[in-house]
């Protein structure tokens, strides 16, 4: 398996890479079946007014922050902009 994974990153021929990557993917799926418990998205789906309040307008520059580094959501919670409904 280690050799297949290392080989999957070699070469520039797209068709060869597809075939090379497909084999370890199929092995993984057959031997290590995984049930996804959650999916992670960076779009932070939270309805304004349902659970939280205080989202800034879409034009605010804070949304240029990466959701995985200086998350705009975390920054807005920390500075008190984003709050639970009723607070």
PDB file of N, CA and C in Angstrom:
ATOM      1  N   UNK A   1       0.838  -1.195   0.000  1.00  0.00           N
ATOM      2  CA  UNK A   1       0.000   0.000   0.000  1.00  0.00           C
ATOM      3  C   UNK A   1       0.876   1.249   0.000  1.00  0.00           C
ATOM      4  N   UNK A   2       1.968   1.220   0.783  1.00  0.00           N
ATOM      5  CA  UNK A   2       2.856   2.387   0.839  1.00  0.00           C
ATOM      6  C   UNK A   2       3.446   2.678  -0.538  1.00  0.00           C
ATOM      7  N   UNK A   3       3.852   1.648  -1.263  1.00  0.00           N
ATOM      8  CA  UNK A   3       4.418   1.839  -2.603  1.00  0.00           C
ATOM      9  C   UNK A   3       3.378   2.434  -3.554  1.00  0.00           C
ATOM     10  N   UNK A   4       2.131   1.969  -3.441  1.00  0.00           N
ATOM     11  CA  UNK A   4       1.065   2.514  -4.289  1.00  0.00           C
ATOM     12  C   UNK A   4       0.832   3.993  -4.010  1.00  0.00           C
ATOM     13  N   UNK A   5       0.844   4.363  -2.752  1.00  0.00           N
ATOM     14  CA  UNK A   5       0.619   5.759  -2.389  1.00  0.00           C
ATOM     15  C   UNK A   5       1.753   6.637  -2.890  1.00  0.00           C
ATOM     16  N   UNK A   6       2.986   6.178  -2.716  1.00  0.00           N
ATOM     17  CA  UNK A   6       4.144   6.949  -3.200  1.00  0.00           C
ATOM     18  C   UNK A   6       4.094   7.064  -4.719  1.00  0.00           C
ATOM     19  N   UNK A   7       3.766   5.967  -5.392  1.00  0.00           N
ATOM     20  CA  UNK A   7       3.695   5.981  -6.863  1.00  0.00           C
ATOM     21  C   UNK A   7       2.568   6.883  -7.375  1.00  0.00           C
ATOM     22  N   UNK A   8       1.519   7.039  -6.591  1.00  0.00           N
ATOM     23  CA  UNK A   8       0.386   7.850  -7.038  1.00  0.00           C
ATOM     24  C   UNK A   8       0.748   9.326  -7.204  1.00  0.00           C
ATOM     25  N   UNK A   9       1.838   9.754  -6.604  1.00  0.00           N
ATOM     26  CA  UNK A   9       2.253  11.162  -6.713  1.00  0.00           C
ATOM     27  C   UNK A   9       3.312  11.373  -7.786  1.00  0.00           C
ATOM     28  N   UNK A  10       3.669  10.333  -8.507  1.00  0.00           N
ATOM     29  CA  UNK A  10       4.735  10.487  -9.509  1.00  0.00           C
ATOM     30  C   UNK A  10       4.156  10.616 -10.913  1.00  0.00           C
ATOM     31  N   UNK A  11       4.890  11.320 -11.745  1.00  0.00           N
ATOM     32  CA  UNK A  11       4.504  11.468 -13.139  1.00  0.00           C
ATOM     33  C   UNK A  11       3.547  12.615 -13.385  1.00  0.00           C
ATOM     34  N   UNK A  12       3.451  12.990 -14.660  1.00  0.00           N
ATOM     35  CA  UNK A  12       2.596  14.106 -15.044  1.00  0.00           C
ATOM     36  C   UNK A  12       1.469  13.702 -15.986  1.00  0.00           C
ATOM     37  N   UNK A  13       1.422  12.415 -16.330  1.00  0.00           N
ATOM     38  CA  UNK A  13       0.375  11.934 -17.231  1.00  0.00           C
ATOM     39  C   UNK A  13      -0.918  11.766 -16.441  1.00  0.00           C
ATOM     40  N   UNK A  14      -1.909  12.583 -16.731  1.00  0.00           N
ATOM     41  CA  UNK A  14      -3.151  12.603 -15.968  1.00  0.00           C
ATOM     42  C   UNK A  14      -3.870  11.253 -16.005  1.00  0.00           C
ATOM     43  N   UNK A  15      -3.917  10.623 -17.170  1.00  0.00           N
ATOM     44  CA  UNK A  15      -4.613   9.330 -17.280  1.00  0.00           C
ATOM     45  C   UNK A  15      -3.906   8.261 -16.462  1.00  0.00           C
ATOM     46  N   UNK A  16      -2.574   8.269 -16.475  1.00  0.00           N
ATOM     47  CA  UNK A  16      -1.805   7.309 -15.675  1.00  0.00           C
ATOM     48  C   UNK A  16      -2.042   7.555 -14.187  1.00  0.00           C
ATOM     49  N   UNK A  17      -2.095   8.828 -13.792  1.00  0.00           N
ATOM     50  CA  UNK A  17      -2.334   9.152 -12.383  1.00  0.00           C
ATOM     51  C   UNK A  17      -3.721   8.701 -11.945  1.00  0.00           C
ATOM     52  N   UNK A  18      -4.720   8.859 -12.794  1.00  0.00           N
ATOM     53  CA  UNK A  18      -6.074   8.414 -12.443  1.00  0.00           C
ATOM     54  C   UNK A  18      -6.082   6.922 -12.143  1.00  0.00           C
ATOM     55  N   UNK A  19      -5.431   6.163 -12.995  1.00  0.00           N
ATOM     56  CA  UNK A  19      -5.378   4.713 -12.791  1.00  0.00           C
ATOM     57  C   UNK A  19      -4.585   4.376 -11.534  1.00  0.00           C
ATOM     58  N   UNK A  20      -3.491   5.079 -11.313  1.00  0.00           N
ATOM     59  CA  UNK A  20      -2.638   4.817 -10.162  1.00  0.00           C
ATOM     60  C   UNK A  20      -3.336   5.183  -8.853  1.00  0.00           C
ATOM     61  N   UNK A  21      -4.096   6.250  -8.833  1.00  0.00           N
ATOM     62  CA  UNK A  21      -4.786   6.692  -7.625  1.00  0.00           C
ATOM     63  C   UNK A  21      -6.021   5.827  -7.359  1.00  0.00           C
ATOM     64  N   UNK A  22      -6.647   5.344  -8.395  1.00  0.00           N
ATOM     65  CA  UNK A  22      -7.858   4.544  -8.240  1.00  0.00           C
ATOM     66  C   UNK A  22      -7.605   3.266  -7.447  1.00  0.00           C
ATOM     67  N   UNK A  23      -6.466   2.630  -7.674  1.00  0.00           N
ATOM     68  CA  UNK A  23      -6.192   1.356  -7.011  1.00  0.00           C
ATOM     69  C   UNK A  23      -6.121   1.501  -5.481  1.00  0.00           C
ATOM     70  N   UNK A  24      -5.306   2.416  -4.913  1.00  0.00           N
ATOM     71  CA  UNK A  24      -5.315   2.523  -3.445  1.00  0.00           C
ATOM     72  C   UNK A  24      -6.660   3.010  -2.889  1.00  0.00           C
ATOM     73  N   UNK A  25      -7.386   3.818  -3.665  1.00  0.00           N
ATOM     74  CA  UNK A  25      -8.706   4.269  -3.208  1.00  0.00           C
ATOM     75  C   UNK A  25      -9.664   3.090  -3.066  1.00  0.00           C
ATOM     76  N   UNK A  26      -9.653   2.203  -4.041  1.00  0.00           N
ATOM     77  CA  UNK A  26     -10.524   1.029  -3.980  1.00  0.00           C
ATOM     78  C   UNK A  26     -10.123   0.119  -2.826  1.00  0.00           C
ATOM     79  N   UNK A  27      -8.810  -0.043  -2.613  1.00  0.00           N
ATOM     80  CA  UNK A  27      -8.332  -0.866  -1.498  1.00  0.00           C
ATOM     81  C   UNK A  27      -8.798  -0.269  -0.183  1.00  0.00           C
ATOM     82  N   UNK A  28      -8.646   1.033  -0.036  1.00  0.00           N
ATOM     83  CA  UNK A  28      -9.078   1.700   1.189  1.00  0.00           C
ATOM     84  C   UNK A  28     -10.571   1.488   1.418  1.00  0.00           C
ATOM     85  N   UNK A  29     -11.366   1.696   0.384  1.00  0.00           N
ATOM     86  CA  UNK A  29     -12.819   1.562   0.516  1.00  0.00           C
ATOM     87  C   UNK A  29     -13.250   0.133   0.859  1.00  0.00           C
ATOM     88  N   UNK A  30     -12.513  -0.853   0.339  1.00  0.00           N
ATOM     89  CA  UNK A  30     -12.869  -2.239   0.609  1.00  0.00           C
ATOM     90  C   UNK A  30     -12.421  -2.687   1.993  1.00  0.00           C
ATOM     91  N   UNK A  31     -11.222  -2.264   2.411  1.00  0.00           N
ATOM     92  CA  UNK A  31     -10.663  -2.745   3.675  1.00  0.00           C
ATOM     93  C   UNK A  31     -11.021  -1.879   4.877  1.00  0.00           C
ATOM     94  N   UNK A  32     -11.166  -0.597   4.668  1.00  0.00           N
ATOM     95  CA  UNK A  32     -11.381   0.326   5.777  1.00  0.00           C
ATOM     96  C   UNK A  32     -12.632   1.161   5.540  1.00  0.00           C
ATOM     97  N   UNK A  33     -13.729   0.503   5.464  1.00  0.00           N
ATOM     98  CA  UNK A  33     -14.974   1.240   5.233  1.00  0.00           C
ATOM     99  C   UNK A  33     -15.171   2.282   6.327  1.00  0.00           C
ATOM    100  N   UNK A  34     -15.554   3.448   5.948  1.00  0.00           N
ATOM    101  CA  UNK A  34     -15.729   4.554   6.883  1.00  0.00           C
ATOM    102  C   UNK A  34     -17.154   5.073   6.766  1.00  0.00           C
ATOM    103  N   UNK A  35     -17.782   5.260   7.891  1.00  0.00           N
ATOM    104  CA  UNK A  35     -19.106   5.875   7.903  1.00  0.00           C
ATOM    105  C   UNK A  35     -18.901   7.335   8.266  1.00  0.00           C
ATOM    106  N   UNK A  36     -19.198   8.262   7.353  1.00  0.00           N
ATOM    107  CA  UNK A  36     -18.994   9.669   7.681  1.00  0.00           C
ATOM    108  C   UNK A  36     -19.964  10.112   8.779  1.00  0.00           C
ATOM    109  N   UNK A  37     -19.415  10.635   9.858  1.00  0.00           N
ATOM    110  CA  UNK A  37     -20.243  11.093  10.964  1.00  0.00           C
ATOM    111  C   UNK A  37     -20.601  12.559  10.823  1.00  0.00           C
ATOM    112  N   UNK A  38     -19.802  13.313  10.093  1.00  0.00           N
ATOM    113  CA  UNK A  38     -20.072  14.714   9.867  1.00  0.00           C
ATOM    114  C   UNK A  38     -19.297  15.170   8.645  1.00  0.00           C
ATOM    115  N   UNK A  39     -19.672  16.302   8.124  1.00  0.00           N
ATOM    116  CA  UNK A  39     -18.944  16.936   7.043  1.00  0.00           C
ATOM    117  C   UNK A  39     -18.599  18.323   7.506  1.00  0.00           C
ATOM    118  N   UNK A  40     -17.464  18.795   7.098  1.00  0.00           N
ATOM    119  CA  UNK A  40     -17.044  20.122   7.522  1.00  0.00           C
ATOM    120  C   UNK A  40     -17.043  21.053   6.321  1.00  0.00           C
ATOM    121  N   UNK A  41     -17.764  22.131   6.451  1.00  0.00           N
ATOM    122  CA  UNK A  41     -17.816  23.144   5.411  1.00  0.00           C
ATOM    123  C   UNK A  41     -17.342  24.454   6.000  1.00  0.00           C
ATOM    124  N   UNK A  42     -16.754  25.276   5.176  1.00  0.00           N
ATOM    125  CA  UNK A  42     -16.293  26.568   5.632  1.00  0.00           C
ATOM    126  C   UNK A  42     -17.336  27.654   5.521  1.00  0.00           C
ATOM    127  N   UNK A  43     -18.521  27.324   5.045  1.00  0.00           N
ATOM    128  CA  UNK A  43     -19.505  28.376   4.838  1.00  0.00           C
ATOM    129  C   UNK A  43     -20.345  28.671   6.086  1.00  0.00           C
ATOM    130  N   UNK A  44     -20.097  28.019   7.189  1.00  0.00           N
ATOM    131  CA  UNK A  44     -20.725  28.272   8.479  1.00  0.00           C
ATOM    132  C   UNK A  44     -22.245  28.484   8.331  1.00  0.00           C
ATOM    133  N   UNK A  45     -23.004  27.430   8.078  1.00  0.00           N
ATOM    134  CA  UNK A  45     -24.445  27.601   7.880  1.00  0.00           C
ATOM    135  C   UNK A  45     -25.197  27.815   9.195  1.00  0.00           C
ATOM    136  N   UNK A  46     -25.394  29.037   9.585  1.00  0.00           N
ATOM    137  CA  UNK A  46     -26.136  29.368  10.799  1.00  0.00           C
ATOM    138  C   UNK A  46     -27.119  30.478  10.457  1.00  0.00           C
ATOM    139  N   UNK A  47     -28.381  30.204  10.659  1.00  0.00           N
ATOM    140  CA  UNK A  47     -29.409  31.172  10.297  1.00  0.00           C
ATOM    141  C   UNK A  47     -29.450  32.337  11.276  1.00  0.00           C
ATOM    142  N   UNK A  48     -29.385  33.510  10.733  1.00  0.00           N
ATOM    143  CA  UNK A  48     -29.516  34.732  11.532  1.00  0.00           C
ATOM    144  C   UNK A  48     -30.871  34.732  12.216  1.00  0.00           C
ATOM    145  N   UNK A  49     -30.867  34.930  13.533  1.00  0.00           N
ATOM    146  CA  UNK A  49     -32.105  35.022  14.276  1.00  0.00           C
ATOM    147  C   UNK A  49     -32.625  33.702  14.821  1.00  0.00           C
ATOM    148  N   UNK A  50     -32.157  32.567  14.313  1.00  0.00           N
ATOM    149  CA  UNK A  50     -32.607  31.261  14.810  1.00  0.00           C
ATOM    150  C   UNK A  50     -31.805  30.835  16.027  1.00  0.00           C
ATOM    151  N   UNK A  51     -30.482  30.813  15.887  1.00  0.00           N
ATOM    152  CA  UNK A  51     -29.605  30.432  16.995  1.00  0.00           C
ATOM    153  C   UNK A  51     -28.634  31.534  17.365  1.00  0.00           C
ATOM    154  N   UNK A  52     -28.279  32.335  16.390  1.00  0.00           N
ATOM    155  CA  UNK A  52     -27.325  33.418  16.631  1.00  0.00           C
ATOM    156  C   UNK A  52     -27.847  34.713  16.041  1.00  0.00           C
ATOM    157  N   UNK A  53     -27.269  35.797  16.491  1.00  0.00           N
ATOM    158  CA  UNK A  53     -27.602  37.107  15.946  1.00  0.00           C
ATOM    159  C   UNK A  53     -26.330  37.932  15.900  1.00  0.00           C
ATOM    160  N   UNK A  54     -26.266  38.821  14.934  1.00  0.00           N
ATOM    161  CA  UNK A  54     -25.118  39.710  14.840  1.00  0.00           C
ATOM    162  C   UNK A  54     -24.210  39.495  13.647  1.00  0.00           C
ATOM    163  N   UNK A  55     -24.614  38.625  12.708  1.00  0.00           N
ATOM    164  CA  UNK A  55     -23.774  38.455  11.516  1.00  0.00           C
ATOM    165  C   UNK A  55     -23.585  39.800  10.839  1.00  0.00           C
ATOM    166  N   UNK A  56     -22.371  40.068  10.436  1.00  0.00           N
ATOM    167  CA  UNK A  56     -22.066  41.312   9.728  1.00  0.00           C
ATOM    168  C   UNK A  56     -22.526  41.198   8.277  1.00  0.00           C
ATOM    169  N   UNK A  57     -22.683  42.325   7.572  1.00  0.00           N
ATOM    170  CA  UNK A  57     -23.099  42.261   6.164  1.00  0.00           C
ATOM    171  C   UNK A  57     -22.060  41.514   5.320  1.00  0.00           C
ATOM    172  N   UNK A  58     -22.514  40.912   4.241  1.00  0.00           N
ATOM    173  CA  UNK A  58     -21.624  40.140   3.363  1.00  0.00           C
ATOM    174  C   UNK A  58     -20.436  40.946   2.858  1.00  0.00           C
ATOM    175  N   UNK A  59     -20.554  42.246   2.802  1.00  0.00           N
ATOM    176  CA  UNK A  59     -19.485  43.101   2.281  1.00  0.00           C
ATOM    177  C   UNK A  59     -18.384  43.364   3.319  1.00  0.00           C
ATOM    178  N   UNK A  60     -18.565  42.943   4.567  1.00  0.00           N
ATOM    179  CA  UNK A  60     -17.580  43.215   5.616  1.00  0.00           C
ATOM    180  C   UNK A  60     -16.264  42.487   5.313  1.00  0.00           C
ATOM    181  N   UNK A  61     -15.122  43.181   5.461  1.00  0.00           N
ATOM    182  CA  UNK A  61     -13.829  42.568   5.139  1.00  0.00           C
ATOM    183  C   UNK A  61     -13.442  41.399   6.051  1.00  0.00           C
ATOM    184  N   UNK A  62     -14.104  41.219   7.175  1.00  0.00           N
ATOM    185  CA  UNK A  62     -13.761  40.100   8.061  1.00  0.00           C
ATOM    186  C   UNK A  62     -13.951  38.758   7.358  1.00  0.00           C
ATOM    187  N   UNK A  63     -14.846  38.700   6.370  1.00  0.00           N
ATOM    188  CA  UNK A  63     -15.113  37.450   5.664  1.00  0.00           C
ATOM    189  C   UNK A  63     -13.975  37.048   4.730  1.00  0.00           C
ATOM    190  N   UNK A  64     -12.967  37.881   4.592  1.00  0.00           N
ATOM    191  CA  UNK A  64     -11.793  37.515   3.808  1.00  0.00           C
ATOM    192  C   UNK A  64     -10.850  36.630   4.622  1.00  0.00           C
ATOM    193  N   UNK A  65     -11.075  36.545   5.936  1.00  0.00           N
ATOM    194  CA  UNK A  65     -10.274  35.656   6.779  1.00  0.00           C
ATOM    195  C   UNK A  65     -10.567  34.211   6.400  1.00  0.00           C
ATOM    196  N   UNK A  66      -9.551  33.384   6.489  1.00  0.00           N
ATOM    197  CA  UNK A  66      -9.726  31.962   6.230  1.00  0.00           C
ATOM    198  C   UNK A  66     -10.576  31.350   7.338  1.00  0.00           C
ATOM    199  N   UNK A  67     -11.565  30.526   6.990  1.00  0.00           N
ATOM    200  CA  UNK A  67     -12.376  29.907   8.039  1.00  0.00           C
ATOM    201  C   UNK A  67     -11.592  28.899   8.869  1.00  0.00           C
ATOM    202  N   UNK A  68     -10.382  28.525   8.426  1.00  0.00           N
ATOM    203  CA  UNK A  68      -9.595  27.520   9.132  1.00  0.00           C
ATOM    204  C   UNK A  68      -8.397  28.117   9.860  1.00  0.00           C
ATOM    205  N   UNK A  69      -8.156  29.401   9.730  1.00  0.00           N
ATOM    206  CA  UNK A  69      -7.045  30.037  10.445  1.00  0.00           C
ATOM    207  C   UNK A  69      -7.600  31.076  11.404  1.00  0.00           C
ATOM    208  N   UNK A  70      -7.838  32.287  10.941  1.00  0.00           N
ATOM    209  CA  UNK A  70      -8.465  33.321  11.761  1.00  0.00           C
ATOM    210  C   UNK A  70      -9.941  33.351  11.407  1.00  0.00           C
ATOM    211  N   UNK A  71     -10.651  32.341  11.849  1.00  0.00           N
ATOM    212  CA  UNK A  71     -12.051  32.175  11.478  1.00  0.00           C
ATOM    213  C   UNK A  71     -12.864  33.415  11.807  1.00  0.00           C
ATOM    214  N   UNK A  72     -13.554  33.921  10.807  1.00  0.00           N
ATOM    215  CA  UNK A  72     -14.393  35.106  11.029  1.00  0.00           C
ATOM    216  C   UNK A  72     -15.457  34.825  12.082  1.00  0.00           C
ATOM    217  N   UNK A  73     -15.941  33.586  12.147  1.00  0.00           N
ATOM    218  CA  UNK A  73     -16.943  33.246  13.152  1.00  0.00           C
ATOM    219  C   UNK A  73     -16.362  33.357  14.550  1.00  0.00           C
ATOM    220  N   UNK A  74     -15.189  32.778  14.749  1.00  0.00           N
ATOM    221  CA  UNK A  74     -14.540  32.835  16.067  1.00  0.00           C
ATOM    222  C   UNK A  74     -14.225  34.276  16.440  1.00  0.00           C
ATOM    223  N   UNK A  75     -13.720  35.047  15.484  1.00  0.00           N
ATOM    224  CA  UNK A  75     -13.374  36.448  15.764  1.00  0.00           C
ATOM    225  C   UNK A  75     -14.628  37.234  16.175  1.00  0.00           C
ATOM    226  N   UNK A  76     -15.770  36.992  15.512  1.00  0.00           N
ATOM    227  CA  UNK A  76     -16.996  37.708  15.845  1.00  0.00           C
ATOM    228  C   UNK A  76     -17.571  37.260  17.193  1.00  0.00           C
ATOM    229  N   UNK A  77     -17.362  36.007  17.565  1.00  0.00           N
ATOM    230  CA  UNK A  77     -17.787  35.554  18.887  1.00  0.00           C
ATOM    231  C   UNK A  77     -16.911  36.215  19.959  1.00  0.00           C
ATOM    232  N   UNK A  78     -15.606  36.234  19.708  1.00  0.00           N
ATOM    233  CA  UNK A  78     -14.675  36.776  20.701  1.00  0.00           C
ATOM    234  C   UNK A  78     -14.875  38.269  20.933  1.00  0.00           C
ATOM    235  N   UNK A  79     -15.212  39.024  19.883  1.00  0.00           N
ATOM    236  CA  UNK A  79     -15.374  40.466  20.090  1.00  0.00           C
ATOM    237  C   UNK A  79     -16.823  40.847  20.445  1.00  0.00           C
ATOM    238  N   UNK A  80     -17.699  39.847  20.560  1.00  0.00           N
ATOM    239  CA  UNK A  80     -19.073  40.097  21.000  1.00  0.00           C
ATOM    240  C   UNK A  80     -20.034  40.460  19.899  1.00  0.00           C
ATOM    241  N   UNK A  81     -19.581  40.439  18.649  1.00  0.00           N
ATOM    242  CA  UNK A  81     -20.471  40.775  17.531  1.00  0.00           C
ATOM    243  C   UNK A  81     -21.526  39.684  17.332  1.00  0.00           C
ATOM    244  N   UNK A  82     -21.115  38.438  17.369  1.00  0.00           N
ATOM    245  CA  UNK A  82     -22.004  37.298  17.159  1.00  0.00           C
ATOM    246  C   UNK A  82     -22.402  36.750  18.536  1.00  0.00           C
ATOM    247  N   UNK A  83     -23.694  36.620  18.755  1.00  0.00           N
ATOM    248  CA  UNK A  83     -24.207  36.212  20.069  1.00  0.00           C
ATOM    249  C   UNK A  83     -25.338  35.219  19.901  1.00  0.00           C
ATOM    250  N   UNK A  84     -25.582  34.414  20.948  1.00  0.00           N
ATOM    251  CA  UNK A  84     -26.758  33.550  20.901  1.00  0.00           C
ATOM    252  C   UNK A  84     -28.026  34.413  20.902  1.00  0.00           C
ATOM    253  N   UNK A  85     -29.059  33.923  20.266  1.00  0.00           N
ATOM    254  CA  UNK A  85     -30.340  34.633  20.260  1.00  0.00           C
ATOM    255  C   UNK A  85     -30.807  34.794  21.700  1.00  0.00           C
ATOM    256  N   UNK A  86     -31.288  35.979  22.021  1.00  0.00           N
ATOM    257  CA  UNK A  86     -31.804  36.240  23.341  1.00  0.00           C
ATOM    258  C   UNK A  86     -30.800  36.834  24.310  1.00  0.00           C
ATOM    259  N   UNK A  87     -29.587  37.062  23.843  1.00  0.00           N
ATOM    260  CA  UNK A  87     -28.577  37.672  24.713  1.00  0.00           C
ATOM    261  C   UNK A  87     -28.304  39.086  24.334  1.00  0.00           C
TER     262      UNK A  87
END
